[in-house]
Amino acid sequence: MRAPVRFVGMRARSKARVEQAGGVPPRNLQRISRVDGPTIWDRYERLDVSLNPAGPDSLFDTAATYVAAGDLVLDAGCRDGAHLMELVRRFDVDGVGVEPVALHIERAKEAVQAAGLADRIALHHGVMHELPYPDSHFDFVWCRDVVEQVDDLGGALVEVLRIMKPAARLLVFTTVATDLLTADDAEVTRRHLANVDGNLDRGALDVAFARSGVAVDSVDVIGTEWREDAEERTQPVSRALLRLARRAGNATTSFVSTAKTSMSTSRPTCTGRCSSSSGSSSRLYTCAAPRSRYQGAWFLPRLSGVRGQSARGGYGAAPDPIVNPHTVAVMRTKSAGRRRPPQVDDDPSSSSEDVLTDDADLIGMRLTGDHSGRTASLVQVSGCRIEGARLIGTHLESSRLVDCVVIGCDLSGLTLEDSACIRVEFQDCRLSGFQAANSRFTDVGFLRCRLDDANFRMTSWERAEFEDCDLVDADFYAATLPSAQLIRCDLTGVQLSKCTLTDATLQWSVLNGLRGGESLRGVTISSDQVLPAALAIFGAMAMTVDDEPRP
């Protein structure tokens, strides 16, 4: 039996309680109960539930908004051609790869030949600064894990913009550093990863983009979500850490001996070691038990990152990473021009009856008839003419319409959920009560259409055109419509709160009763619209116009 602990000077009553507890002070019993209690174990169980993190393939989902079948795509820094081949296969495009390393070009040629894509992909040994292609040649440029290694980045971007068509997009995936990256670690990345001084600096990147004439459409900081996806599937980080520990001789000794702060095995602590590519500058970091749904530290073999906020809102806040390996930017030339018209055959083939079904792939068809009340998902409509059709109350989810002309159709109550329209033109259509929340529209035009009570909340638009349209009581709450053209439209009662209308044109449109007048900053109007626009702005500022004299 365990001997009781002697505490000098304690009262007999306190001593009796200590002896009754087997020599362990009651206060520590409470601590142990708390540390090993149901709350902590419940937290562990919740942390074992996956948050379904996005993986590297999500970059192709971003590209899907800007790429259409038949486009010509450039992979600037194609390495072994793997990404370029996936772009060609996934989007039915033609590809060109440029790569400065001769060994990579040879391997890429072998891979392309083995994949049977030699007739769809051309490879060039060269650099981004000297591209042997004419002006306005490519529809889309893919640039992944490249800009951090490019000398004279500004000059390279100017050359890339030269060969891009006016409405083309450049998608850049790169790595940026934070203040936690030490000079020693920065030197290691230069020596082992061939990074260029300054190209990991977010501010320097912004300056290079601006000086080259790039307009940044969006920046998505993914944090280390991709790494979590890989860890859940194949656990590469765990294996790398275990190998480093074995190399040091003993896993436990290696972890504890390299720690700069003390560790207690009784505390729920997330630990791990990050190192440069050589593993010579190992460090140990700790992250206390999560304060929210999921928070912790992730440590990569080459670059260290701490889990941060996800755009999907599923992750808790965390300290800044040393290096954030997942930053995606979509860019264009500053003069994007007007919308690109759809590319549709003059005489497409006729349609069959039940075409709107799940996973339907409709290419080069003429769609007519009544398809009202249908519900389908993952529908792909490309190069089609939709004439005189009825899709009243039809619901399409996660679908894409590309290069389509829609003429004289009744689309009242049509719902496009989490979908995309690219180079689509609606002419003389009825879309009363159209539901398109959270969808994306690129090069889309509405001509002489009725869109009253349409729901465009939180939609994203690029080069949108509305001409002679009825948009009475339409809802554009938190929508993004830069440079949109709304000409000769009836915008009575339209909701514009938190809407982005930078450089938009509202000339000759009816602006009576607009809601969200604060969003009119940067728009162009005609002289006869000054009074209704002013009233909308006054309303947004809670101002009252009252000519009555004070009593």
Protein backbone atom coordinates (compact mmCIF):
# COMPACT_ATOMS: atom_id res chain seq x y z
CA MET A 1 0.00 0.00 0.00
CA ARG A 2 1.27 3.44 -0.91
CA ALA A 3 2.67 5.36 2.10
CA PRO A 4 0.95 8.66 2.89
CA VAL A 5 2.78 11.88 2.04
CA ARG A 6 3.89 13.98 5.04
CA PHE A 7 3.09 17.68 4.82
CA VAL A 8 4.71 19.71 7.62
CA GLY A 9 2.44 22.23 9.27
CA MET A 10 -0.84 20.97 7.79
CA ARG A 11 -3.85 20.64 10.02
CA ALA A 12 -4.97 17.16 11.03
CA ARG A 13 -8.14 17.47 8.98
CA SER A 14 -6.20 18.31 5.79
CA LYS A 15 -3.71 15.51 6.54
CA ALA A 16 -6.57 13.02 6.88
CA ARG A 17 -7.93 14.00 3.48
CA VAL A 18 -4.50 13.56 1.91
CA GLU A 19 -4.07 10.12 3.50
CA GLN A 20 -7.54 9.12 2.39
CA ALA A 21 -6.64 10.09 -1.18
CA GLY A 22 -3.65 7.74 -1.14
CA GLY A 23 -1.08 10.48 -0.85
CA VAL A 24 -2.28 12.52 -3.84
CA PRO A 25 -3.53 16.04 -3.03
CA PRO A 26 -7.25 16.41 -3.86
CA ARG A 27 -6.50 19.49 -5.97
CA ASN A 28 -4.36 17.45 -8.35
CA LEU A 29 -7.07 14.80 -8.50
CA GLN A 30 -9.31 17.50 -9.92
CA ARG A 31 -6.67 18.42 -12.48
CA ILE A 32 -6.23 14.80 -13.53
CA SER A 33 -9.98 14.35 -13.81
CA ARG A 34 -10.14 17.41 -16.01
CA VAL A 35 -7.17 16.50 -18.21
CA ASP A 36 -8.27 12.88 -18.71
CA GLY A 37 -11.99 13.53 -18.40
CA PRO A 38 -14.78 13.11 -20.95
CA THR A 39 -14.39 16.65 -22.30
CA ILE A 40 -10.85 16.00 -23.53
CA TRP A 41 -11.69 12.60 -24.97
CA ASP A 42 -14.73 14.06 -26.72
CA ARG A 43 -12.44 16.67 -28.21
CA TYR A 44 -10.11 13.96 -29.48
CA GLU A 45 -13.05 12.14 -31.09
CA ARG A 46 -14.20 15.31 -32.82
CA LEU A 47 -10.69 15.97 -34.09
CA ASP A 48 -10.65 12.51 -35.66
CA VAL A 49 -13.54 13.49 -37.95
CA SER A 50 -12.36 14.64 -41.38
CA LEU A 51 -13.29 18.13 -42.57
CA ASN A 52 -13.12 16.85 -46.17
CA PRO A 53 -10.23 19.11 -47.17
CA ALA A 54 -9.77 20.03 -50.80
CA GLY A 55 -6.80 18.46 -52.59
CA PRO A 56 -4.56 19.66 -55.42
CA ASP A 57 -7.24 18.78 -57.98
CA SER A 58 -9.22 21.79 -56.74
CA LEU A 59 -6.85 23.93 -58.81
CA PHE A 60 -8.41 22.39 -61.92
CA ASP A 61 -11.82 23.36 -60.55
CA THR A 62 -10.62 26.96 -60.46
CA ALA A 63 -9.39 26.68 -64.04
CA ALA A 64 -12.74 25.24 -65.15
CA THR A 65 -14.33 28.69 -64.88
CA TYR A 66 -11.98 30.12 -67.49
CA VAL A 67 -11.32 27.22 -69.87
CA ALA A 68 -13.63 25.93 -72.58
CA ALA A 69 -13.36 23.10 -75.09
CA GLY A 70 -11.20 24.01 -78.05
CA ASP A 71 -9.15 26.63 -76.20
CA LEU A 72 -5.37 26.86 -76.57
CA VAL A 73 -3.69 26.57 -73.16
CA LEU A 74 -0.09 27.39 -72.19
CA ASP A 75 1.60 25.72 -69.22
CA ALA A 76 4.41 28.12 -68.32
CA GLY A 77 6.94 25.92 -66.55
CA CYS A 78 5.37 22.56 -67.42
CA ARG A 79 8.06 20.37 -65.79
CA ASP A 80 7.16 16.74 -66.72
CA GLY A 81 3.92 17.73 -68.44
CA ALA A 82 1.60 16.04 -65.92
CA HIS A 83 -0.56 19.13 -65.28
CA LEU A 84 -0.68 20.03 -68.97
CA MET A 85 -1.85 16.54 -69.92
CA GLU A 86 -4.58 16.73 -67.28
CA LEU A 87 -5.75 20.09 -68.64
CA VAL A 88 -5.94 18.66 -72.15
CA ARG A 89 -7.81 15.54 -71.06
CA ARG A 90 -10.16 17.25 -68.64
CA PHE A 91 -11.20 20.26 -70.74
CA ASP A 92 -10.70 19.00 -74.32
CA VAL A 93 -8.21 21.75 -75.15
CA ASP A 94 -4.94 21.93 -77.07
CA GLY A 95 -1.84 22.55 -74.98
CA VAL A 96 1.62 24.06 -75.22
CA GLY A 97 4.27 23.52 -72.55
CA VAL A 98 7.33 25.72 -71.99
CA GLU A 99 10.07 24.44 -69.66
CA PRO A 100 13.64 25.74 -69.06
CA VAL A 101 15.14 22.43 -67.84
CA ALA A 102 16.16 20.13 -70.70
CA LEU A 103 15.75 16.94 -68.63
CA HIS A 104 12.16 17.89 -67.81
CA ILE A 105 11.38 18.48 -71.48
CA GLU A 106 12.69 15.05 -72.41
CA ARG A 107 10.61 13.40 -69.71
CA ALA A 108 7.55 15.43 -70.70
CA LYS A 109 7.92 14.32 -74.34
CA GLU A 110 8.07 10.68 -73.28
CA ALA A 111 5.00 11.07 -71.06
CA VAL A 112 3.00 12.86 -73.74
CA GLN A 113 3.90 10.21 -76.30
CA ALA A 114 2.96 7.40 -73.90
CA ALA A 115 -0.38 9.07 -73.18
CA GLY A 116 -1.22 9.32 -76.88
CA LEU A 117 -1.48 13.13 -76.74
CA ALA A 118 1.33 14.04 -79.12
CA ASP A 119 -1.21 15.51 -81.56
CA ARG A 120 -2.71 17.74 -78.85
CA ILE A 121 0.39 18.96 -76.98
CA ALA A 122 3.48 20.83 -78.20
CA LEU A 123 6.55 21.22 -75.96
CA HIS A 124 9.19 23.96 -76.13
CA HIS A 125 12.54 24.18 -74.34
CA GLY A 126 12.80 27.80 -73.24
CA VAL A 127 11.97 30.45 -70.63
CA MET A 128 8.97 32.63 -69.91
CA HIS A 129 10.86 35.76 -70.98
CA GLU A 130 11.11 34.66 -74.63
CA LEU A 131 8.01 32.85 -75.86
CA PRO A 132 8.10 32.00 -79.60
CA TYR A 133 4.41 32.70 -80.16
CA PRO A 134 2.50 35.65 -81.69
CA ASP A 135 0.56 38.27 -79.78
CA SER A 136 -2.89 37.36 -78.42
CA HIS A 137 -2.33 33.65 -79.05
CA PHE A 138 -3.46 31.77 -75.92
CA ASP A 139 -6.87 31.54 -74.22
CA PHE A 140 -5.52 30.50 -70.82
CA VAL A 141 -2.14 30.29 -69.06
CA TRP A 142 -1.39 27.84 -66.23
CA CYS A 143 1.61 28.64 -64.01
CA ARG A 144 2.03 26.35 -60.99
CA ASP A 145 5.05 26.38 -58.64
CA VAL A 146 7.06 28.52 -61.03
CA VAL A 147 7.15 32.25 -60.21
CA GLU A 148 9.20 31.75 -57.05
CA GLN A 149 12.11 30.59 -59.25
CA VAL A 150 11.88 33.18 -62.07
CA ASP A 151 14.54 35.88 -62.48
CA ASP A 152 13.13 39.25 -63.57
CA LEU A 153 9.58 38.21 -62.78
CA GLY A 154 8.17 41.48 -64.08
CA GLY A 155 9.76 40.94 -67.49
CA ALA A 156 8.46 37.37 -67.63
CA LEU A 157 4.91 38.52 -66.81
CA VAL A 158 5.01 41.16 -69.54
CA GLU A 159 5.95 38.48 -72.07
CA VAL A 160 3.20 36.16 -70.85
CA LEU A 161 0.62 38.95 -71.13
CA ARG A 162 1.78 39.61 -74.68
CA ILE A 163 0.81 36.14 -75.88
CA MET A 164 -2.52 36.13 -73.98
CA LYS A 165 -5.75 37.03 -75.76
CA PRO A 166 -7.49 40.17 -74.42
CA ALA A 167 -10.00 38.15 -72.40
CA ALA A 168 -7.61 35.34 -71.39
CA ARG A 169 -6.70 34.50 -67.81
CA LEU A 170 -3.40 33.67 -66.10
CA LEU A 171 -3.70 31.30 -63.11
CA VAL A 172 -0.70 31.41 -60.77
CA PHE A 173 -0.07 29.00 -57.88
CA THR A 174 2.88 30.00 -55.75
CA THR A 175 4.44 30.07 -52.28
CA VAL A 176 4.76 33.16 -50.12
CA ALA A 177 6.67 33.66 -46.87
CA THR A 178 5.68 35.34 -43.61
CA ASP A 179 7.75 37.17 -41.01
CA LEU A 180 8.48 33.87 -39.25
CA LEU A 181 10.83 32.74 -42.03
CA THR A 182 14.34 33.29 -40.65
CA ALA A 183 17.34 34.32 -42.70
CA ASP A 184 18.89 30.87 -42.25
CA ASP A 185 15.77 29.13 -43.51
CA ALA A 186 15.52 31.55 -46.43
CA GLU A 187 19.12 30.71 -47.37
CA VAL A 188 18.28 26.99 -47.28
CA THR A 189 15.32 27.50 -49.65
CA ARG A 190 17.57 29.46 -52.04
CA ARG A 191 20.24 26.79 -51.99
CA HIS A 192 18.05 23.70 -52.24
CA LEU A 193 14.92 24.98 -54.01
CA ALA A 194 16.50 27.59 -56.34
CA ASN A 195 14.15 30.32 -55.11
CA VAL A 196 14.83 33.89 -56.17
CA ASP A 197 15.27 36.60 -53.53
CA GLY A 198 12.05 38.56 -53.18
CA ASN A 199 9.81 36.13 -55.07
CA LEU A 200 8.49 34.69 -51.80
CA ASP A 201 7.51 38.17 -50.63
CA ARG A 202 3.81 38.93 -51.14
CA GLY A 203 4.41 42.67 -51.37
CA ALA A 204 7.11 42.24 -54.02
CA LEU A 205 4.80 39.95 -55.99
CA ASP A 206 2.02 42.55 -55.91
CA VAL A 207 4.42 45.20 -57.20
CA ALA A 208 5.67 42.91 -60.00
CA PHE A 209 2.11 42.10 -61.06
CA ALA A 210 1.04 45.76 -61.04
CA ARG A 211 4.07 47.03 -62.99
CA SER A 212 3.68 44.37 -65.66
CA GLY A 213 0.11 45.45 -66.41
CA VAL A 214 -1.65 42.57 -64.64
CA ALA A 215 -5.07 43.05 -63.07
CA VAL A 216 -5.64 40.55 -60.27
CA ASP A 217 -9.14 39.09 -60.34
CA SER A 218 -8.89 36.98 -57.20
CA VAL A 219 -6.42 35.61 -54.66
CA ASP A 220 -7.24 32.42 -52.76
CA VAL A 221 -5.04 31.62 -49.74
CA ILE A 222 -5.62 27.91 -49.20
CA GLY A 223 -3.22 27.52 -46.29
CA THR A 224 -2.25 23.88 -45.81
CA GLU A 225 -5.55 22.31 -46.75
CA TRP A 226 -3.93 20.35 -49.57
CA ARG A 227 -1.39 18.94 -47.14
CA GLU A 228 -4.19 17.77 -44.86
CA ASP A 229 -5.81 16.04 -47.83
CA ALA A 230 -2.55 14.22 -48.59
CA GLU A 231 -2.03 13.32 -44.94
CA GLU A 232 -5.49 11.79 -44.68
CA ARG A 233 -4.92 9.71 -47.80
CA THR A 234 -1.26 8.62 -47.69
CA GLN A 235 0.30 10.24 -44.58
CA PRO A 236 3.45 11.56 -46.29
CA VAL A 237 4.28 13.99 -43.46
CA SER A 238 4.02 11.31 -40.79
CA ARG A 239 6.33 9.05 -42.76
CA ALA A 240 8.82 11.86 -43.33
CA LEU A 241 8.92 12.74 -39.62
CA LEU A 242 9.31 9.09 -38.65
CA ARG A 243 12.23 8.73 -41.06
CA LEU A 244 13.91 11.79 -39.59
CA ALA A 245 13.37 10.45 -36.08
CA ARG A 246 14.82 7.04 -37.01
CA ARG A 247 17.80 8.74 -38.58
CA ALA A 248 18.47 10.50 -35.29
CA GLY A 249 18.46 7.11 -33.55
CA ASN A 250 15.37 7.22 -31.38
CA ALA A 251 12.00 8.82 -32.10
CA THR A 252 11.26 10.00 -28.56
CA THR A 253 14.78 11.25 -27.91
CA SER A 254 14.89 13.07 -31.23
CA PHE A 255 11.67 14.91 -30.62
CA VAL A 256 12.43 15.97 -27.07
CA SER A 257 16.11 16.81 -27.49
CA THR A 258 15.52 19.25 -30.35
CA ALA A 259 12.65 21.06 -28.65
CA LYS A 260 13.22 24.68 -27.73
CA THR A 261 10.38 24.61 -25.22
CA SER A 262 9.55 21.92 -22.69
CA MET A 263 6.96 19.29 -23.54
CA SER A 264 4.68 17.40 -21.22
CA THR A 265 3.32 14.09 -22.46
CA SER A 266 0.23 14.50 -20.27
CA ARG A 267 -0.96 17.58 -22.18
CA PRO A 268 -3.01 17.31 -25.40
CA THR A 269 -0.46 18.98 -27.63
CA CYS A 270 -0.09 18.88 -31.40
CA THR A 271 3.60 18.55 -32.21
CA GLY A 272 5.78 18.01 -35.22
CA ARG A 273 9.04 19.00 -36.77
CA CYS A 274 9.63 20.96 -39.93
CA SER A 275 12.88 21.16 -41.79
CA SER A 276 14.39 22.48 -44.94
CA SER A 277 14.80 20.11 -47.85
CA SER A 278 18.06 18.80 -46.38
CA GLY A 279 16.61 18.32 -42.90
CA SER A 280 19.58 20.10 -41.34
CA SER A 281 17.67 22.95 -39.74
CA SER A 282 15.09 20.99 -37.75
CA ARG A 283 12.83 22.76 -35.32
CA LEU A 284 10.08 21.64 -33.06
CA TYR A 285 6.89 23.66 -32.68
CA THR A 286 3.94 22.98 -30.42
CA CYS A 287 0.32 24.01 -30.69
CA ALA A 288 -2.00 23.76 -27.71
CA ALA A 289 -5.31 21.89 -27.75
CA PRO A 290 -7.80 23.36 -30.26
CA ARG A 291 -9.96 26.28 -29.20
CA SER A 292 -12.44 25.81 -32.05
CA ARG A 293 -13.59 23.11 -34.41
CA TYR A 294 -10.16 22.28 -35.78
CA GLN A 295 -6.90 24.02 -35.10
CA GLY A 296 -3.42 22.62 -35.02
CA ALA A 297 0.01 22.70 -36.58
CA TRP A 298 1.07 21.00 -39.79
CA PHE A 299 4.72 20.61 -40.66
CA LEU A 300 5.92 20.01 -44.17
CA PRO A 301 9.13 18.30 -45.31
CA ARG A 302 10.41 21.48 -46.97
CA LEU A 303 8.31 24.45 -45.91
CA SER A 304 6.60 24.93 -42.57
CA GLY A 305 3.00 26.06 -42.28
CA VAL A 306 0.46 26.36 -39.49
CA ARG A 307 -3.13 25.60 -40.24
CA GLY A 308 -5.14 28.71 -41.04
CA GLN A 309 -8.61 29.87 -42.00
CA SER A 310 -10.30 28.11 -44.90
CA ALA A 311 -12.56 29.93 -47.34
CA ARG A 312 -15.20 27.30 -46.54
CA GLY A 313 -15.23 28.38 -42.90
CA GLY A 314 -14.51 24.91 -41.56
CA TYR A 315 -11.25 25.68 -39.80
CA GLY A 316 -10.32 27.77 -36.81
CA ALA A 317 -7.84 30.62 -36.69
CA ALA A 318 -4.20 29.78 -36.08
CA PRO A 319 -0.83 31.55 -35.98
CA ASP A 320 0.71 32.72 -39.25
CA PRO A 321 2.78 30.09 -41.04
CA ILE A 322 6.47 30.41 -41.71
CA VAL A 323 5.75 29.70 -45.35
CA ASN A 324 2.28 29.41 -46.80
CA PRO A 325 2.62 26.89 -49.65
CA HIS A 326 -0.83 27.40 -51.13
CA THR A 327 -1.64 30.75 -52.71
CA VAL A 328 -3.63 30.88 -55.94
CA ALA A 329 -4.12 34.04 -57.99
CA VAL A 330 -6.17 34.52 -61.15
CA MET A 331 -5.06 37.46 -63.28
CA ARG A 332 -5.85 39.17 -66.55
CA THR A 333 -4.61 42.10 -68.59
CA LYS A 334 -5.98 45.39 -67.31
CA SER A 335 -7.83 46.00 -70.59
CA ALA A 336 -10.07 42.96 -70.56
CA GLY A 337 -12.32 44.31 -73.32
CA ARG A 338 -15.94 43.49 -73.96
CA ARG A 339 -17.43 40.04 -73.54
CA ARG A 340 -16.54 37.27 -75.95
CA PRO A 341 -19.51 36.01 -77.99
CA PRO A 342 -20.47 32.33 -77.89
CA GLN A 343 -19.09 30.02 -80.57
CA VAL A 344 -22.03 28.01 -81.89
CA ASP A 345 -22.61 26.22 -85.20
CA ASP A 346 -25.25 27.82 -87.40
CA ASP A 347 -27.02 24.50 -87.95
CA PRO A 348 -26.48 22.17 -84.98
CA SER A 349 -28.02 18.71 -84.85
CA SER A 350 -31.51 18.20 -83.45
CA SER A 351 -32.09 17.09 -79.89
CA SER A 352 -33.63 13.99 -78.41
CA GLU A 353 -36.44 14.12 -75.87
CA ASP A 354 -35.12 13.49 -72.33
CA VAL A 355 -31.80 15.31 -72.60
CA LEU A 356 -31.75 16.97 -69.18
CA THR A 357 -30.63 14.06 -67.04
CA ASP A 358 -27.88 13.65 -64.46
CA ASP A 359 -24.37 13.73 -65.98
CA ALA A 360 -25.78 14.57 -69.41
CA ASP A 361 -23.21 15.80 -71.94
CA LEU A 362 -24.94 17.92 -74.60
CA ILE A 363 -22.59 19.07 -77.35
CA GLY A 364 -23.49 20.87 -80.57
CA MET A 365 -27.23 20.28 -80.30
CA ARG A 366 -30.39 22.29 -81.01
CA LEU A 367 -32.60 22.09 -77.93
CA THR A 368 -36.32 22.76 -78.23
CA GLY A 369 -39.51 21.50 -76.60
CA ASP A 370 -40.76 21.48 -73.04
CA HIS A 371 -38.30 20.51 -70.29
CA SER A 372 -40.14 22.18 -67.44
CA GLY A 373 -39.91 20.89 -63.90
CA ARG A 374 -36.85 18.72 -64.53
CA THR A 375 -34.15 18.28 -61.89
CA ALA A 376 -30.62 17.29 -62.90
CA SER A 377 -27.03 17.71 -61.76
CA LEU A 378 -23.61 17.75 -63.44
CA VAL A 379 -25.13 18.65 -66.80
CA GLN A 380 -22.63 19.90 -69.42
CA VAL A 381 -24.13 21.96 -72.26
CA SER A 382 -21.63 23.12 -74.88
CA GLY A 383 -22.01 24.66 -78.34
CA CYS A 384 -25.81 24.43 -78.27
CA ARG A 385 -28.65 26.57 -79.61
CA ILE A 386 -31.67 26.59 -77.31
CA GLU A 387 -34.65 28.00 -79.21
CA GLY A 388 -38.26 28.34 -78.12
CA ALA A 389 -37.76 25.87 -75.28
CA ARG A 390 -39.63 25.85 -71.98
CA LEU A 391 -37.65 25.20 -68.80
CA ILE A 392 -40.13 26.59 -66.30
CA GLY A 393 -39.14 25.60 -62.76
CA THR A 394 -36.24 23.45 -64.01
CA HIS A 395 -33.46 22.89 -61.45
CA LEU A 396 -29.84 22.37 -62.59
CA GLU A 397 -27.13 21.81 -60.00
CA SER A 398 -23.32 21.91 -60.44
CA SER A 399 -23.77 22.29 -64.20
CA ARG A 400 -21.97 24.24 -66.93
CA LEU A 401 -23.27 26.08 -70.01
CA VAL A 402 -20.49 26.97 -72.43
CA ASP A 403 -20.81 28.66 -75.86
CA CYS A 404 -24.60 28.61 -75.96
CA VAL A 405 -27.24 30.87 -77.54
CA VAL A 406 -30.66 30.91 -75.87
CA ILE A 407 -33.40 32.50 -77.99
CA GLY A 408 -37.06 33.11 -77.25
CA CYS A 409 -37.26 30.67 -74.33
CA ASP A 410 -39.45 30.70 -71.23
CA LEU A 411 -37.06 30.09 -68.33
CA SER A 412 -39.28 31.42 -65.54
CA GLY A 413 -38.22 30.00 -62.20
CA LEU A 414 -35.16 28.27 -63.68
CA THR A 415 -32.60 27.50 -60.98
CA LEU A 416 -28.85 27.27 -61.58
CA GLU A 417 -27.28 26.16 -58.30
CA ASP A 418 -23.49 26.33 -57.91
CA SER A 419 -23.20 26.37 -61.70
CA ALA A 420 -21.30 28.33 -64.34
CA CYS A 421 -22.24 30.07 -67.59
CA ILE A 422 -19.37 30.85 -69.96
CA ARG A 423 -19.92 32.70 -73.25
CA VAL A 424 -23.71 32.40 -73.14
CA GLU A 425 -26.15 34.84 -74.76
CA PHE A 426 -29.84 35.11 -73.86
CA GLN A 427 -32.06 36.83 -76.43
CA ASP A 428 -35.74 37.72 -75.98
CA CYS A 429 -36.15 35.28 -73.09
CA ARG A 430 -38.40 35.32 -70.06
CA LEU A 431 -36.46 34.62 -66.85
CA SER A 432 -38.87 35.93 -64.22
CA GLY A 433 -37.86 34.56 -60.83
CA PHE A 434 -34.60 33.18 -62.23
CA GLN A 435 -32.54 31.67 -59.34
CA ALA A 436 -28.76 31.74 -59.76
CA ALA A 437 -27.33 32.34 -56.28
CA ASN A 438 -23.64 31.44 -55.82
CA SER A 439 -23.14 30.79 -59.54
CA ARG A 440 -20.51 32.27 -61.84
CA PHE A 441 -21.09 34.08 -65.15
CA THR A 442 -18.30 34.82 -67.62
CA ASP A 443 -18.93 36.61 -70.94
CA VAL A 444 -22.71 36.38 -70.49
CA GLY A 445 -25.18 38.72 -72.19
CA PHE A 446 -28.91 39.31 -71.73
CA LEU A 447 -30.59 41.10 -74.64
CA ARG A 448 -34.24 42.20 -74.40
CA CYS A 449 -34.92 39.73 -71.57
CA ARG A 450 -37.35 39.86 -68.67
CA LEU A 451 -35.51 39.21 -65.40
CA ASP A 452 -37.91 40.65 -62.84
CA ASP A 453 -37.50 39.18 -59.32
CA ALA A 454 -34.37 37.32 -60.46
CA ASN A 455 -32.07 36.16 -57.65
CA PHE A 456 -28.39 36.87 -58.38
CA ARG A 457 -27.26 37.00 -54.75
CA MET A 458 -23.51 36.45 -54.26
CA THR A 459 -22.96 35.67 -57.93
CA SER A 460 -19.68 36.44 -59.68
CA TRP A 461 -19.64 38.10 -63.09
CA GLU A 462 -17.03 38.97 -65.67
CA ARG A 463 -17.84 41.10 -68.70
CA ALA A 464 -21.59 40.96 -68.12
CA GLU A 465 -23.96 42.81 -70.47
CA PHE A 466 -27.62 43.62 -69.91
CA GLU A 467 -29.31 45.58 -72.70
CA ASP A 468 -32.99 46.60 -72.82
CA CYS A 469 -33.82 44.22 -69.96
CA ASP A 470 -36.52 44.31 -67.29
CA LEU A 471 -34.73 43.79 -63.95
CA VAL A 472 -37.45 45.13 -61.65
CA ASP A 473 -36.87 43.98 -58.05
CA ALA A 474 -33.93 41.78 -59.06
CA ASP A 475 -31.55 40.91 -56.21
CA PHE A 476 -27.79 41.46 -56.72
CA TYR A 477 -26.91 41.38 -53.01
CA ALA A 478 -23.12 40.90 -52.55
CA ALA A 479 -22.73 40.11 -56.26
CA THR A 480 -19.49 41.00 -58.07
CA LEU A 481 -20.09 42.84 -61.36
CA PRO A 482 -16.95 44.80 -62.28
CA SER A 483 -17.18 46.63 -65.62
CA ALA A 484 -20.73 45.34 -66.16
CA GLN A 485 -22.87 46.99 -68.85
CA LEU A 486 -26.50 47.64 -67.84
CA ILE A 487 -27.79 49.73 -70.72
CA ARG A 488 -31.39 50.93 -71.13
CA CYS A 489 -32.60 48.55 -68.41
CA ASP A 490 -35.39 48.97 -65.90
CA LEU A 491 -33.62 48.71 -62.53
CA THR A 492 -36.57 49.81 -60.41
CA GLY A 493 -36.27 48.45 -56.88
CA VAL A 494 -33.11 46.45 -57.61
CA GLN A 495 -31.16 45.33 -54.52
CA LEU A 496 -27.49 46.35 -54.79
CA SER A 497 -26.35 46.19 -51.15
CA LYS A 498 -22.72 45.06 -50.84
CA CYS A 499 -22.56 44.67 -54.61
CA THR A 500 -19.29 45.42 -56.43
CA LEU A 501 -19.94 47.64 -59.49
CA THR A 502 -16.50 49.12 -60.09
CA ASP A 503 -16.30 50.66 -63.60
CA ALA A 504 -19.85 49.46 -64.38
CA THR A 505 -22.09 51.41 -66.77
CA LEU A 506 -25.75 52.08 -65.95
CA GLN A 507 -26.45 54.67 -68.63
CA TRP A 508 -30.03 55.32 -69.77
CA SER A 509 -31.41 52.83 -67.25
CA VAL A 510 -34.28 53.47 -64.83
CA LEU A 511 -32.84 53.80 -61.31
CA ASN A 512 -36.00 54.52 -59.32
CA GLY A 513 -36.13 52.98 -55.85
CA LEU A 514 -32.67 51.41 -55.97
CA ARG A 515 -31.66 49.72 -52.71
CA GLY A 516 -28.03 49.72 -51.62
CA GLY A 517 -27.02 53.04 -53.12
CA GLU A 518 -23.62 52.83 -51.41
CA SER A 519 -22.63 50.31 -54.09
CA LEU A 520 -22.88 52.93 -56.86
CA ARG A 521 -19.32 54.05 -56.21
CA GLY A 522 -17.35 54.05 -59.46
CA VAL A 523 -20.30 53.56 -61.86
CA THR A 524 -21.03 55.64 -64.96
CA ILE A 525 -24.49 57.15 -65.40
CA SER A 526 -26.08 59.65 -67.77
CA SER A 527 -27.10 63.19 -66.76
CA ASP A 528 -30.82 62.35 -66.48
CA GLN A 529 -29.99 59.68 -63.86
CA VAL A 530 -28.38 62.02 -61.33
CA LEU A 531 -31.51 62.60 -59.23
CA PRO A 532 -32.61 58.93 -58.79
CA ALA A 533 -28.98 57.90 -58.15
CA ALA A 534 -28.66 60.65 -55.53
CA LEU A 535 -31.86 59.53 -53.84
CA ALA A 536 -30.54 55.96 -53.68
CA ILE A 537 -27.30 57.20 -52.11
CA PHE A 538 -29.20 59.40 -49.64
CA GLY A 539 -31.33 56.40 -48.67
CA ALA A 540 -28.24 54.27 -48.06
CA MET A 541 -26.87 57.02 -45.81
CA ALA A 542 -30.17 57.28 -43.91
CA MET A 543 -30.54 60.90 -45.04
CA THR A 544 -33.96 62.53 -45.22
CA VAL A 545 -34.95 65.31 -47.60
CA ASP A 546 -37.57 67.48 -45.87
CA ASP A 547 -38.67 70.94 -47.13
CA GLU A 548 -41.06 71.55 -44.28
CA PRO A 549 -39.95 74.45 -41.98
CA ARG A 550 -39.20 73.78 -38.35
CA PRO A 551 -42.02 74.73 -35.96
